[in-house]
Amino acid sequence: LFHLCRDVLVDNIDCVEALGDVDAGIRKSLCEGLVARNKMDDHAFRVIYCEEGIEALDIIDCATITQDELASALTTLIPAGLKALMLNYCGRCFGTKAVDAIVSACKNDACNLFALSIGGAYLLNDADISRLVGAISSSLTSIELKACHQIGPLACNAIAMNFDKSLSGLTELALEEIPLKKHDLMIIASSNACKRLVNLRFGHIDAIDDEIMDYLLKACSASLEGISLSHTVNVSDALLSSIRRYNSSGSLRALTLTGLVKLTSVGLETLFTANIEGLPAPPALRKLDLSELKPGVVTDVVISLAAVASASKSGAIVSDIPVGISLGISNFGGLVHLNVKGASCTDTSMEKLAETCYSSLEELDLSFCPHVKDEGLGYLVSKLSHQFRKLHIWGCAQITENFLDGHDRAKSGGLEINGAWMKKSGSRSIR
């Protein structure tokens, strides 16, 4: 019924003047429907978001919204209590005019923004993001910038200076596809801006190396709960050493290492091996992503050590971050989300996961893992509790109907299997 009502509104958005008292989830769903049908224009934007009392401006694709319309809306929404600004595929809608509107609206301590996420804003220049950070730093705790190619040293300097002695502190920082140089990143890493970081994410930034990460991890060692690095090609096993050395508080719960081609199995084994003299305990993770590493790096030994470490007792408390770049972590022992896409693991890993994560594992990605067989997957599913909801097996041509139609939950349902579309029998691949 909800989807039917949403589709009616999307189809007739030109006839709608306002939504009234509707929560953020419904507004976002309407936005997604409009974007899917290429109807997210200025009028639709005004209908969904231009009302006082909106706390989160969250748009998945802003490419068809004009900058004048966005600037006008921000002038009204920010003084009225806007708390989160999350705009993706900004295109031309977020530039100097939009920044001017925010800076002007934030005068006299009128700003409550604590989450800023901007993606694909090719008009946003280095000076503008510097002004923006300076204007909202008193309340800002989460920054995410993606594919904004004019951002450089001024933005890094603004982050370093404005959060160096900030009372609230920056708790989340995510930078992806930003053409920063090592000197720019060192400005942030060598300041106190990151000392309260809880979640840290970098992606597709070639300037990120072991030295930069060592500075950052040392600065936020007491608070860091989530690290995500994807396709940062200049980090090596030295990164893994830094992760373990600076996790003395045991706070780390989520670790994503995707496409890091210089990592080795020896480095990963050292990260997760217990009782190494002079090093703190290995991280007891709830979310682990070791996808797209080189062949032979993610082995049965690596997965076994990580699973055992995750199931260890830890008194560390994981914070609840309501908005921003949450990494999806849990307070319970054992891995909850595991992605080993492209790994060299076998059924031995399935047995270890069944032993250590039977009451915690919710999602597992084994795509392009050619050595896992029907028997191993069947054993794993039979041992896991019903919290296990999703399995990805794309590229696993060796998995047959013996598992797909014969595992313990094939009839009862509740387990979604993605990637079994090559089944000869023609039955459904998603259960």
Foldseek 3Di string as FASTA:
>chain_A
DLVVVLVVCLVPVVPAQADPPDDPVSLAVNLVVNVVVVNPALSSCCRRQQDQPAAEDAHAAQQRYALVSLLVSLLRHFLSHHAEYAHENNEHNDAQSNLVSNLVSCPPNSGQHAYYHYYNHQRHAQVSLLSSCQSHVQRYAEYHYYNHARHEQSNLLSLQVSQLPHPVAHAYYEYENYAYALVSLVSNLVGLRLQQYAEYYYEPHQRDELVSLLSNCQSPLQHYAYYAYEQNAHYALSNLVSNFQSVQLLRHAEYHDYQHARYALVSLLVLQDADDPPTHHRRLYQYYHPENYDEPRAELSSLLSNQVSVQDDDPHDHDDDPDHDDDDGDDHGGHAHYEHAQYQYALSSLVSNLVRQQEHHAEYEHANHARYALVSVLVSQVRHDLSHAEYEHANHPRYACCNCCPHPCNPVDRHFYHHPCPYPVRDDRTD
